[in-house]
Amino acid sequence: MKKLIIPVICIICIFITIIYNEPITNQISTFISGEPKLIINDKNVYTKDLDYLYVQKSQDYIPYSYQDLLNIFYSVIDNGWDQFTFYCPDEYSNCIVDASSISSDELILTHLNNYVHPFNSFTNIKTSINENGEINLTIFYLYDKDKIKLINNKVDELIDNLITDDMDDYDKIKVIHDYIINNVKYDIERNEENVSDFNSYTAYGPLFEGFATCNGYTDLMAIFLSKLGFNNYKIATTPNEISYKSTGHIWNAVYYDNQWVHIDLTWDDPVSKDNKDYLFHTYFLVTTEAMKEADEGETVIEEHNFNPLFYLEFN
């Protein structure tokens, strides 16, 4: 009788563990089957679920190439997951090396981040890679739930007030573009001193405080564009991609009238020497060619010299 008691207790303990402890369940499943088990959680409401030429949404999260790894990183961010673990298959011998390369390349991660909804954009990604090919991603997001709620409510209110049924797509985008510029000033202090009293680097700053850097302008415009149903992403030039000392630049790309075009609210809301407010449409729904032509004025603007390898829709 005593011989039976111990096995029965062990079976009960394992059964309880399986029900109440998913990580241990996964380990037991992996031990029995010999294969790791992926945990696929629900996507959040800001998932775009769109494919682009540079990155596409993953279907099975098992990488067999460098492109598959890029797609997994993008998909995890786009899904709004705080954490995700996937595994390198034996068939992909260079998987660990490639994953380490991507996770340590701030340039690639920056450009990947531009394809997701602003509310799913990250401030940092922590990656741990084991020798056995287990890769764990931990995502730290830029916007918290309280800020998201405030921004969403205000944006919805503005759309109700600014958008009318008789507007076409051009007028809808233009009225948002003009509203933001007319109600926002560029945060010179943050740009020059890297300090500011305002949340100008996010959509909260221009929406509630009236100040923005290029990040704030771009995030807010992207949120409006997404709510209005326009496929869009952000384009960035980083300091090591342009030929002069700069903190880099970021602006919007939107699919409008059957083509991809640019919107740069930062340059359409210039800082003037006479301290007057100006509203331009120089960089409003323009092609790359038109944008580069506008950059060739008295002062040549190099901040729009983006790398087309990351934004293939503009090739």
C-alpha atoms as a PDB file:
ATOM      1  CA  MET A   1       0.000   0.000   0.000  1.00  0.00           C
ATOM      2  CA  LYS A   2       2.805   2.417   0.876  1.00  0.00           C
ATOM      3  CA  LYS A   3       4.400   1.669  -2.489  1.00  0.00           C
ATOM      4  CA  LEU A   4       1.284   2.971  -4.230  1.00  0.00           C
ATOM      5  CA  ILE A   5       0.896   6.110  -2.129  1.00  0.00           C
ATOM      6  CA  ILE A   6       4.071   7.834  -3.343  1.00  0.00           C
ATOM      7  CA  PRO A   7       3.366   7.385  -7.086  1.00  0.00           C
ATOM      8  CA  VAL A   8      -0.224   8.543  -6.595  1.00  0.00           C
ATOM      9  CA  ILE A   9       0.926  11.679  -4.749  1.00  0.00           C
ATOM     10  CA  CYS A  10       3.461  12.397  -7.500  1.00  0.00           C
ATOM     11  CA  ILE A  11       0.815  12.042 -10.199  1.00  0.00           C
ATOM     12  CA  ILE A  12      -1.545  14.402  -8.314  1.00  0.00           C
ATOM     13  CA  CYS A  13       1.250  16.961  -7.874  1.00  0.00           C
ATOM     14  CA  ILE A  14       2.131  16.831 -11.568  1.00  0.00           C
ATOM     15  CA  PHE A  15      -1.540  17.178 -12.520  1.00  0.00           C
ATOM     16  CA  ILE A  16      -1.969  20.252 -10.295  1.00  0.00           C
ATOM     17  CA  THR A  17       1.259  21.747 -11.637  1.00  0.00           C
ATOM     18  CA  ILE A  18       0.095  21.253 -15.218  1.00  0.00           C
ATOM     19  CA  ILE A  19      -3.166  23.052 -14.525  1.00  0.00           C
ATOM     20  CA  TYR A  20      -1.786  25.988 -12.562  1.00  0.00           C
ATOM     21  CA  ASN A  21       1.742  26.550 -13.834  1.00  0.00           C
ATOM     22  CA  GLU A  22       2.036  27.102 -17.556  1.00  0.00           C
ATOM     23  CA  PRO A  23       5.845  27.517 -17.702  1.00  0.00           C
ATOM     24  CA  ILE A  24       6.371  24.166 -16.011  1.00  0.00           C
ATOM     25  CA  THR A  25       3.729  22.707 -18.307  1.00  0.00           C
ATOM     26  CA  ASN A  26       5.791  23.882 -21.250  1.00  0.00           C
ATOM     27  CA  GLN A  27       8.932  22.322 -19.827  1.00  0.00           C
ATOM     28  CA  ILE A  28       7.180  18.990 -19.290  1.00  0.00           C
ATOM     29  CA  SER A  29       5.740  19.159 -22.799  1.00  0.00           C
ATOM     30  CA  THR A  30       9.164  19.943 -24.219  1.00  0.00           C
ATOM     31  CA  PHE A  31      10.754  17.107 -22.244  1.00  0.00           C
ATOM     32  CA  ILE A  32       8.180  14.583 -23.461  1.00  0.00           C
ATOM     33  CA  SER A  33       8.056  15.666 -27.105  1.00  0.00           C
ATOM     34  CA  GLY A  34      11.663  16.736 -27.493  1.00  0.00           C
ATOM     35  CA  GLU A  35      10.512  19.952 -29.131  1.00  0.00           C
ATOM     36  CA  PRO A  36      10.041  23.414 -27.533  1.00  0.00           C
ATOM     37  CA  LYS A  37       6.521  24.792 -27.301  1.00  0.00           C
ATOM     38  CA  LEU A  38       5.790  28.332 -28.449  1.00  0.00           C
ATOM     39  CA  ILE A  39       3.341  30.363 -26.393  1.00  0.00           C
ATOM     40  CA  ILE A  40       1.328  32.594 -28.728  1.00  0.00           C
ATOM     41  CA  ASN A  41      -0.663  35.191 -26.788  1.00  0.00           C
ATOM     42  CA  ASP A  42      -3.425  37.433 -28.110  1.00  0.00           C
ATOM     43  CA  LYS A  43      -2.380  40.547 -30.015  1.00  0.00           C
ATOM     44  CA  ASN A  44      -3.336  43.905 -28.573  1.00  0.00           C
ATOM     45  CA  VAL A  45      -5.782  46.306 -30.243  1.00  0.00           C
ATOM     46  CA  TYR A  46      -3.010  48.401 -31.818  1.00  0.00           C
ATOM     47  CA  THR A  47      -1.587  45.552 -33.877  1.00  0.00           C
ATOM     48  CA  LYS A  48      -1.455  46.642 -37.516  1.00  0.00           C
ATOM     49  CA  ASP A  49      -1.075  43.105 -38.922  1.00  0.00           C
ATOM     50  CA  LEU A  50       0.324  44.461 -42.182  1.00  0.00           C
ATOM     51  CA  ASP A  51       3.097  43.255 -44.453  1.00  0.00           C
ATOM     52  CA  TYR A  52       5.647  45.652 -45.885  1.00  0.00           C
ATOM     53  CA  LEU A  53       8.439  45.105 -48.373  1.00  0.00           C
ATOM     54  CA  TYR A  54      11.113  45.252 -45.668  1.00  0.00           C
ATOM     55  CA  VAL A  55       9.302  43.196 -43.011  1.00  0.00           C
ATOM     56  CA  GLN A  56       6.274  40.926 -42.966  1.00  0.00           C
ATOM     57  CA  LYS A  57       4.133  39.431 -40.197  1.00  0.00           C
ATOM     58  CA  SER A  58       5.336  36.025 -39.013  1.00  0.00           C
ATOM     59  CA  GLN A  59       3.011  33.077 -39.253  1.00  0.00           C
ATOM     60  CA  ASP A  60       4.723  30.334 -37.247  1.00  0.00           C
ATOM     61  CA  TYR A  61       7.592  32.174 -35.433  1.00  0.00           C
ATOM     62  CA  ILE A  62      10.131  29.540 -36.407  1.00  0.00           C
ATOM     63  CA  PRO A  63      13.071  31.210 -38.191  1.00  0.00           C
ATOM     64  CA  TYR A  64      14.857  29.574 -41.100  1.00  0.00           C
ATOM     65  CA  SER A  65      16.605  32.707 -42.407  1.00  0.00           C
ATOM     66  CA  TYR A  66      17.788  36.193 -41.470  1.00  0.00           C
ATOM     67  CA  GLN A  67      14.581  37.626 -42.969  1.00  0.00           C
ATOM     68  CA  ASP A  68      12.515  35.297 -40.784  1.00  0.00           C
ATOM     69  CA  LEU A  69      14.292  36.700 -37.731  1.00  0.00           C
ATOM     70  CA  LEU A  70      13.563  40.278 -38.814  1.00  0.00           C
ATOM     71  CA  ASN A  71       9.929  39.316 -39.291  1.00  0.00           C
ATOM     72  CA  ILE A  72       9.733  37.772 -35.816  1.00  0.00           C
ATOM     73  CA  PHE A  73      11.229  40.833 -34.125  1.00  0.00           C
ATOM     74  CA  TYR A  74       8.809  43.073 -36.046  1.00  0.00           C
ATOM     75  CA  SER A  75       5.808  40.849 -35.319  1.00  0.00           C
ATOM     76  CA  VAL A  76       6.483  40.667 -31.582  1.00  0.00           C
ATOM     77  CA  ILE A  77       6.677  44.472 -31.393  1.00  0.00           C
ATOM     78  CA  ASP A  78       3.644  44.921 -33.650  1.00  0.00           C
ATOM     79  CA  ASN A  79       1.597  42.496 -31.540  1.00  0.00           C
ATOM     80  CA  GLY A  80       2.265  44.524 -28.391  1.00  0.00           C
ATOM     81  CA  TRP A  81       3.739  41.571 -26.522  1.00  0.00           C
ATOM     82  CA  ASP A  82       5.777  42.342 -23.406  1.00  0.00           C
ATOM     83  CA  GLN A  83       7.704  39.102 -23.719  1.00  0.00           C
ATOM     84  CA  PHE A  84       8.140  36.322 -26.229  1.00  0.00           C
ATOM     85  CA  THR A  85      10.338  33.255 -26.479  1.00  0.00           C
ATOM     86  CA  PHE A  86      11.162  31.430 -29.697  1.00  0.00           C
ATOM     87  CA  TYR A  87      13.737  28.861 -30.744  1.00  0.00           C
ATOM     88  CA  CYS A  88      16.326  28.369 -33.442  1.00  0.00           C
ATOM     89  CA  PRO A  89      15.761  25.158 -35.426  1.00  0.00           C
ATOM     90  CA  ASP A  90      18.668  22.830 -36.164  1.00  0.00           C
ATOM     91  CA  GLU A  91      18.279  23.530 -39.887  1.00  0.00           C
ATOM     92  CA  TYR A  92      19.260  27.201 -39.420  1.00  0.00           C
ATOM     93  CA  SER A  93      22.895  26.884 -38.364  1.00  0.00           C
ATOM     94  CA  ASN A  94      23.578  30.646 -38.272  1.00  0.00           C
ATOM     95  CA  CYS A  95      20.431  31.505 -36.310  1.00  0.00           C
ATOM     96  CA  ILE A  96      22.075  32.439 -32.998  1.00  0.00           C
ATOM     97  CA  VAL A  97      24.694  34.611 -34.712  1.00  0.00           C
ATOM     98  CA  ASP A  98      22.075  36.386 -36.822  1.00  0.00           C
ATOM     99  CA  ALA A  99      19.732  36.910 -33.870  1.00  0.00           C
ATOM    100  CA  SER A 100      22.599  38.396 -31.843  1.00  0.00           C
ATOM    101  CA  SER A 101      23.457  40.681 -34.748  1.00  0.00           C
ATOM    102  CA  ILE A 102      19.906  42.025 -35.048  1.00  0.00           C
ATOM    103  CA  SER A 103      19.369  42.444 -31.306  1.00  0.00           C
ATOM    104  CA  SER A 104      22.582  44.475 -30.925  1.00  0.00           C
ATOM    105  CA  ASP A 105      22.023  46.675 -33.981  1.00  0.00           C
ATOM    106  CA  GLU A 106      20.262  49.847 -32.831  1.00  0.00           C
ATOM    107  CA  LEU A 107      19.925  51.019 -36.418  1.00  0.00           C
ATOM    108  CA  ILE A 108      17.917  47.983 -37.508  1.00  0.00           C
ATOM    109  CA  LEU A 109      15.783  48.029 -34.360  1.00  0.00           C
ATOM    110  CA  THR A 110      15.029  51.732 -34.860  1.00  0.00           C
ATOM    111  CA  HIS A 111      13.790  51.144 -38.390  1.00  0.00           C
ATOM    112  CA  LEU A 112      11.783  48.065 -37.387  1.00  0.00           C
ATOM    113  CA  ASN A 113      10.131  50.162 -34.685  1.00  0.00           C
ATOM    114  CA  ASN A 114       8.911  52.643 -37.287  1.00  0.00           C
ATOM    115  CA  TYR A 115       6.595  50.111 -38.899  1.00  0.00           C
ATOM    116  CA  VAL A 116       4.392  49.581 -35.849  1.00  0.00           C
ATOM    117  CA  HIS A 117       1.628  51.710 -34.360  1.00  0.00           C
ATOM    118  CA  PRO A 118       3.091  54.389 -32.044  1.00  0.00           C
ATOM    119  CA  PHE A 119       1.342  52.810 -29.044  1.00  0.00           C
ATOM    120  CA  ASN A 120       3.299  49.608 -29.725  1.00  0.00           C
ATOM    121  CA  SER A 121       6.629  51.353 -30.224  1.00  0.00           C
ATOM    122  CA  PHE A 122       9.379  50.525 -27.752  1.00  0.00           C
ATOM    123  CA  THR A 123      12.024  52.384 -25.814  1.00  0.00           C
ATOM    124  CA  ASN A 124      14.186  49.301 -25.360  1.00  0.00           C
ATOM    125  CA  ILE A 125      14.346  45.620 -26.238  1.00  0.00           C
ATOM    126  CA  LYS A 126      16.170  43.216 -23.962  1.00  0.00           C
ATOM    127  CA  THR A 127      17.275  40.035 -25.710  1.00  0.00           C
ATOM    128  CA  SER A 128      18.668  36.919 -24.047  1.00  0.00           C
ATOM    129  CA  ILE A 129      20.012  34.120 -26.227  1.00  0.00           C
ATOM    130  CA  ASN A 130      20.971  30.701 -24.870  1.00  0.00           C
ATOM    131  CA  GLU A 131      23.490  28.376 -26.456  1.00  0.00           C
ATOM    132  CA  ASN A 132      20.702  25.870 -27.075  1.00  0.00           C
ATOM    133  CA  GLY A 133      18.990  28.364 -29.403  1.00  0.00           C
ATOM    134  CA  GLU A 134      16.344  29.716 -27.040  1.00  0.00           C
ATOM    135  CA  ILE A 135      15.761  33.428 -27.717  1.00  0.00           C
ATOM    136  CA  ASN A 136      13.774  35.569 -25.291  1.00  0.00           C
ATOM    137  CA  LEU A 137      12.627  39.082 -26.159  1.00  0.00           C
ATOM    138  CA  THR A 138      11.458  41.520 -23.482  1.00  0.00           C
ATOM    139  CA  ILE A 139       9.879  44.706 -24.816  1.00  0.00           C
ATOM    140  CA  PHE A 140       9.705  47.989 -22.893  1.00  0.00           C
ATOM    141  CA  TYR A 141       7.081  50.200 -24.500  1.00  0.00           C
ATOM    142  CA  LEU A 142       7.073  53.985 -24.841  1.00  0.00           C
ATOM    143  CA  TYR A 143       3.432  54.670 -23.936  1.00  0.00           C
ATOM    144  CA  ASP A 144       1.739  53.518 -20.747  1.00  0.00           C
ATOM    145  CA  LYS A 145      -1.970  52.738 -20.450  1.00  0.00           C
ATOM    146  CA  ASP A 146      -2.889  56.062 -18.839  1.00  0.00           C
ATOM    147  CA  LYS A 147      -1.222  58.119 -21.587  1.00  0.00           C
ATOM    148  CA  ILE A 148      -2.793  55.933 -24.281  1.00  0.00           C
ATOM    149  CA  LYS A 149      -6.267  56.470 -22.841  1.00  0.00           C
ATOM    150  CA  LEU A 150      -5.827  60.245 -22.638  1.00  0.00           C
ATOM    151  CA  ILE A 151      -4.431  60.492 -26.164  1.00  0.00           C
ATOM    152  CA  ASN A 152      -7.111  58.238 -27.642  1.00  0.00           C
ATOM    153  CA  ASN A 153      -9.941  60.208 -26.062  1.00  0.00           C
ATOM    154  CA  LYS A 154      -8.541  63.543 -27.263  1.00  0.00           C
ATOM    155  CA  VAL A 155      -7.842  62.287 -30.786  1.00  0.00           C
ATOM    156  CA  ASP A 156     -11.360  60.846 -31.056  1.00  0.00           C
ATOM    157  CA  GLU A 157     -12.786  64.162 -29.882  1.00  0.00           C
ATOM    158  CA  LEU A 158     -10.778  66.089 -32.474  1.00  0.00           C
ATOM    159  CA  ILE A 159     -11.760  63.742 -35.286  1.00  0.00           C
ATOM    160  CA  ASP A 160     -15.423  64.265 -34.393  1.00  0.00           C
ATOM    161  CA  ASN A 161     -14.918  68.040 -34.464  1.00  0.00           C
ATOM    162  CA  LEU A 162     -12.624  68.361 -37.475  1.00  0.00           C
ATOM    163  CA  ILE A 163     -13.715  65.650 -39.901  1.00  0.00           C
ATOM    164  CA  THR A 164     -16.972  65.954 -41.816  1.00  0.00           C
ATOM    165  CA  ASP A 165     -18.749  63.479 -44.085  1.00  0.00           C
ATOM    166  CA  ASP A 166     -18.243  65.587 -47.207  1.00  0.00           C
ATOM    167  CA  MET A 167     -14.427  65.572 -46.928  1.00  0.00           C
ATOM    168  CA  ASP A 168     -12.332  63.496 -49.297  1.00  0.00           C
ATOM    169  CA  ASP A 169      -9.107  61.805 -48.184  1.00  0.00           C
ATOM    170  CA  TYR A 170      -6.957  64.820 -49.070  1.00  0.00           C
ATOM    171  CA  ASP A 171      -9.082  67.177 -46.972  1.00  0.00           C
ATOM    172  CA  LYS A 172      -9.146  64.782 -44.023  1.00  0.00           C
ATOM    173  CA  ILE A 173      -5.380  64.503 -43.868  1.00  0.00           C
ATOM    174  CA  LYS A 174      -4.908  68.224 -44.515  1.00  0.00           C
ATOM    175  CA  VAL A 175      -7.230  69.360 -41.719  1.00  0.00           C
ATOM    176  CA  ILE A 176      -5.314  67.188 -39.237  1.00  0.00           C
ATOM    177  CA  HIS A 177      -1.956  68.401 -40.556  1.00  0.00           C
ATOM    178  CA  ASP A 178      -3.057  72.021 -40.228  1.00  0.00           C
ATOM    179  CA  TYR A 179      -4.616  71.586 -36.791  1.00  0.00           C
ATOM    180  CA  ILE A 180      -1.435  70.103 -35.337  1.00  0.00           C
ATOM    181  CA  ILE A 181       0.796  72.823 -36.781  1.00  0.00           C
ATOM    182  CA  ASN A 182      -1.545  75.626 -35.733  1.00  0.00           C
ATOM    183  CA  ASN A 183      -1.616  74.373 -32.153  1.00  0.00           C
ATOM    184  CA  VAL A 184       1.963  73.232 -31.639  1.00  0.00           C
ATOM    185  CA  LYS A 185       5.400  74.840 -31.366  1.00  0.00           C
ATOM    186  CA  TYR A 186       8.688  73.099 -31.942  1.00  0.00           C
ATOM    187  CA  ASP A 187      10.472  72.275 -28.669  1.00  0.00           C
ATOM    188  CA  ILE A 188      13.775  74.034 -29.307  1.00  0.00           C
ATOM    189  CA  GLU A 189      15.073  73.449 -25.786  1.00  0.00           C
ATOM    190  CA  ARG A 190      14.765  69.668 -25.999  1.00  0.00           C
ATOM    191  CA  ASN A 191      16.384  69.656 -29.421  1.00  0.00           C
ATOM    192  CA  GLU A 192      19.338  71.816 -28.366  1.00  0.00           C
ATOM    193  CA  GLU A 193      19.811  70.941 -24.691  1.00  0.00           C
ATOM    194  CA  ASN A 194      18.137  67.514 -24.534  1.00  0.00           C
ATOM    195  CA  VAL A 195      16.070  68.729 -21.580  1.00  0.00           C
ATOM    196  CA  SER A 196      12.529  70.038 -21.494  1.00  0.00           C
ATOM    197  CA  ASP A 197       9.507  70.524 -19.273  1.00  0.00           C
ATOM    198  CA  PHE A 198       7.333  68.926 -21.948  1.00  0.00           C
ATOM    199  CA  ASN A 199       6.631  65.408 -23.216  1.00  0.00           C
ATOM    200  CA  SER A 200       7.428  66.719 -26.678  1.00  0.00           C
ATOM    201  CA  TYR A 201       9.003  63.474 -27.928  1.00  0.00           C
ATOM    202  CA  THR A 202       5.654  61.631 -27.741  1.00  0.00           C
ATOM    203  CA  ALA A 203       2.150  62.365 -29.031  1.00  0.00           C
ATOM    204  CA  TYR A 204       1.182  63.610 -25.565  1.00  0.00           C
ATOM    205  CA  GLY A 205       3.365  66.721 -25.867  1.00  0.00           C
ATOM    206  CA  PRO A 206       1.828  68.271 -28.987  1.00  0.00           C
ATOM    207  CA  LEU A 207      -1.671  67.166 -28.035  1.00  0.00           C
ATOM    208  CA  PHE A 208      -1.825  68.425 -24.438  1.00  0.00           C
ATOM    209  CA  GLU A 209       1.176  70.704 -23.926  1.00  0.00           C
ATOM    210  CA  GLY A 210       1.531  72.376 -27.315  1.00  0.00           C
ATOM    211  CA  PHE A 211       5.175  71.436 -27.844  1.00  0.00           C
ATOM    212  CA  ALA A 212       6.761  68.769 -30.016  1.00  0.00           C
ATOM    213  CA  THR A 213       9.994  67.511 -31.461  1.00  0.00           C
ATOM    214  CA  CYS A 214       9.905  65.624 -34.746  1.00  0.00           C
ATOM    215  CA  ASN A 215       9.060  62.434 -32.806  1.00  0.00           C
ATOM    216  CA  GLY A 216       6.021  64.038 -31.200  1.00  0.00           C
ATOM    217  CA  TYR A 217       4.722  65.487 -34.470  1.00  0.00           C
ATOM    218  CA  THR A 218       5.199  62.160 -36.240  1.00  0.00           C
ATOM    219  CA  ASP A 219       3.644  59.958 -33.562  1.00  0.00           C
ATOM    220  CA  LEU A 220       0.568  62.160 -33.293  1.00  0.00           C
ATOM    221  CA  MET A 221       0.085  62.263 -37.055  1.00  0.00           C
ATOM    222  CA  ALA A 222       0.514  58.477 -37.253  1.00  0.00           C
ATOM    223  CA  ILE A 223      -2.175  57.974 -34.607  1.00  0.00           C
ATOM    224  CA  PHE A 224      -4.591  60.191 -36.537  1.00  0.00           C
ATOM    225  CA  LEU A 225      -3.789  58.457 -39.834  1.00  0.00           C
ATOM    226  CA  SER A 226      -4.371  55.014 -38.335  1.00  0.00           C
ATOM    227  CA  LYS A 227      -7.681  56.047 -36.787  1.00  0.00           C
ATOM    228  CA  LEU A 228      -8.778  57.437 -40.160  1.00  0.00           C
ATOM    229  CA  GLY A 229      -7.912  54.141 -41.854  1.00  0.00           C
ATOM    230  CA  PHE A 230      -4.760  55.108 -43.754  1.00  0.00           C
ATOM    231  CA  ASN A 231      -1.906  52.626 -44.017  1.00  0.00           C
ATOM    232  CA  ASN A 232       1.125  54.465 -42.712  1.00  0.00           C
ATOM    233  CA  TYR A 233       4.475  54.139 -41.005  1.00  0.00           C
ATOM    234  CA  LYS A 234       7.326  56.390 -39.890  1.00  0.00           C
ATOM    235  CA  ILE A 235      10.583  57.080 -41.720  1.00  0.00           C
ATOM    236  CA  ALA A 236      13.765  57.947 -39.843  1.00  0.00           C
ATOM    237  CA  THR A 237      17.257  59.111 -40.619  1.00  0.00           C
ATOM    238  CA  THR A 238      19.643  58.418 -37.773  1.00  0.00           C
ATOM    239  CA  PRO A 239      22.796  60.427 -36.920  1.00  0.00           C
ATOM    240  CA  ASN A 240      25.156  57.876 -38.482  1.00  0.00           C
ATOM    241  CA  GLU A 241      23.185  57.828 -41.734  1.00  0.00           C
ATOM    242  CA  ILE A 242      23.454  61.505 -42.645  1.00  0.00           C
ATOM    243  CA  SER A 243      26.541  63.478 -43.497  1.00  0.00           C
ATOM    244  CA  TYR A 244      26.542  66.149 -40.821  1.00  0.00           C
ATOM    245  CA  LYS A 245      26.237  66.317 -37.055  1.00  0.00           C
ATOM    246  CA  SER A 246      22.573  65.857 -36.185  1.00  0.00           C
ATOM    247  CA  THR A 247      20.318  64.007 -33.812  1.00  0.00           C
ATOM    248  CA  GLY A 248      18.515  62.520 -36.807  1.00  0.00           C
ATOM    249  CA  HIS A 249      14.992  63.095 -38.038  1.00  0.00           C
ATOM    250  CA  ILE A 250      11.662  61.324 -38.366  1.00  0.00           C
ATOM    251  CA  TRP A 251       8.488  61.941 -40.385  1.00  0.00           C
ATOM    252  CA  ASN A 252       5.409  60.155 -41.745  1.00  0.00           C
ATOM    253  CA  ALA A 253       4.866  57.937 -44.757  1.00  0.00           C
ATOM    254  CA  VAL A 254       1.266  57.319 -45.830  1.00  0.00           C
ATOM    255  CA  TYR A 255      -0.380  55.337 -48.604  1.00  0.00           C
ATOM    256  CA  TYR A 256      -2.504  57.941 -50.370  1.00  0.00           C
ATOM    257  CA  ASP A 257      -4.047  57.982 -53.852  1.00  0.00           C
ATOM    258  CA  ASN A 258      -2.531  54.583 -54.715  1.00  0.00           C
ATOM    259  CA  GLN A 259       1.031  55.527 -53.857  1.00  0.00           C
ATOM    260  CA  TRP A 260       3.334  56.036 -50.898  1.00  0.00           C
ATOM    261  CA  VAL A 261       4.051  59.692 -50.111  1.00  0.00           C
ATOM    262  CA  HIS A 262       5.685  61.756 -47.359  1.00  0.00           C
ATOM    263  CA  ILE A 263       4.312  64.139 -44.714  1.00  0.00           C
ATOM    264  CA  ASP A 264       6.757  66.122 -42.581  1.00  0.00           C
ATOM    265  CA  LEU A 265       4.968  68.316 -40.067  1.00  0.00           C
ATOM    266  CA  THR A 266       8.223  69.418 -38.445  1.00  0.00           C
ATOM    267  CA  TRP A 267       9.455  71.153 -41.581  1.00  0.00           C
ATOM    268  CA  ASP A 268       5.952  72.455 -42.378  1.00  0.00           C
ATOM    269  CA  ASP A 269       6.003  74.150 -38.943  1.00  0.00           C
ATOM    270  CA  PRO A 270       9.334  76.000 -39.132  1.00  0.00           C
ATOM    271  CA  VAL A 271      11.046  77.859 -36.319  1.00  0.00           C
ATOM    272  CA  SER A 272      11.148  81.433 -37.646  1.00  0.00           C
ATOM    273  CA  LYS A 273      13.620  84.216 -36.941  1.00  0.00           C
ATOM    274  CA  ASP A 274      10.768  86.710 -36.463  1.00  0.00           C
ATOM    275  CA  ASN A 275       9.052  84.440 -33.881  1.00  0.00           C
ATOM    276  CA  LYS A 276       5.878  84.366 -35.995  1.00  0.00           C
ATOM    277  CA  ASP A 277       3.902  81.190 -36.556  1.00  0.00           C
ATOM    278  CA  TYR A 278       3.911  79.807 -40.080  1.00  0.00           C
ATOM    279  CA  LEU A 279       1.986  76.995 -41.707  1.00  0.00           C
ATOM    280  CA  PHE A 280       3.469  75.434 -44.848  1.00  0.00           C
ATOM    281  CA  HIS A 281       2.435  72.554 -47.096  1.00  0.00           C
ATOM    282  CA  THR A 282       5.845  72.098 -48.676  1.00  0.00           C
ATOM    283  CA  TYR A 283       6.195  68.583 -47.269  1.00  0.00           C
ATOM    284  CA  PHE A 284       2.536  67.567 -47.364  1.00  0.00           C
ATOM    285  CA  LEU A 285       1.685  64.387 -49.317  1.00  0.00           C
ATOM    286  CA  VAL A 286       4.777  64.719 -51.509  1.00  0.00           C
ATOM    287  CA  THR A 287       6.731  62.143 -53.459  1.00  0.00           C
ATOM    288  CA  THR A 288      10.374  61.502 -52.645  1.00  0.00           C
ATOM    289  CA  GLU A 289      11.380  63.455 -55.747  1.00  0.00           C
ATOM    290  CA  ALA A 290       9.292  66.471 -54.694  1.00  0.00           C
ATOM    291  CA  MET A 291      10.637  66.270 -51.139  1.00  0.00           C
ATOM    292  CA  LYS A 292      14.244  66.271 -52.344  1.00  0.00           C
ATOM    293  CA  GLU A 293      13.516  69.208 -54.664  1.00  0.00           C
ATOM    294  CA  ALA A 294      12.098  71.160 -51.717  1.00  0.00           C
ATOM    295  CA  ASP A 295      15.265  70.379 -49.767  1.00  0.00           C
ATOM    296  CA  GLU A 296      17.427  72.118 -52.406  1.00  0.00           C
ATOM    297  CA  GLY A 297      16.756  75.697 -51.303  1.00  0.00           C
ATOM    298  CA  GLU A 298      19.067  78.361 -49.915  1.00  0.00           C
ATOM    299  CA  THR A 299      19.860  75.977 -47.095  1.00  0.00           C
ATOM    300  CA  VAL A 300      20.213  72.404 -48.279  1.00  0.00           C
ATOM    301  CA  ILE A 301      18.292  70.031 -46.021  1.00  0.00           C
ATOM    302  CA  GLU A 302      19.981  66.656 -45.589  1.00  0.00           C
ATOM    303  CA  GLU A 303      17.736  65.231 -42.889  1.00  0.00           C
ATOM    304  CA  HIS A 304      15.489  63.584 -45.498  1.00  0.00           C
ATOM    305  CA  ASN A 305      18.317  61.457 -46.912  1.00  0.00           C
ATOM    306  CA  PHE A 306      16.750  58.228 -45.680  1.00  0.00           C
ATOM    307  CA  ASN A 307      18.138  54.786 -46.431  1.00  0.00           C
ATOM    308  CA  PRO A 308      15.824  53.231 -49.073  1.00  0.00           C
ATOM    309  CA  LEU A 309      16.957  49.743 -48.065  1.00  0.00           C
ATOM    310  CA  PHE A 310      14.764  50.075 -44.966  1.00  0.00           C
ATOM    311  CA  TYR A 311      11.812  51.743 -46.717  1.00  0.00           C
ATOM    312  CA  LEU A 312      11.446  49.797 -49.928  1.00  0.00           C
ATOM    313  CA  GLU A 313       8.044  51.213 -50.811  1.00  0.00           C
ATOM    314  CA  PHE A 314       9.907  54.349 -51.932  1.00  0.00           C
ATOM    315  CA  ASN A 315      12.352  52.605 -54.256  1.00  0.00           C
END
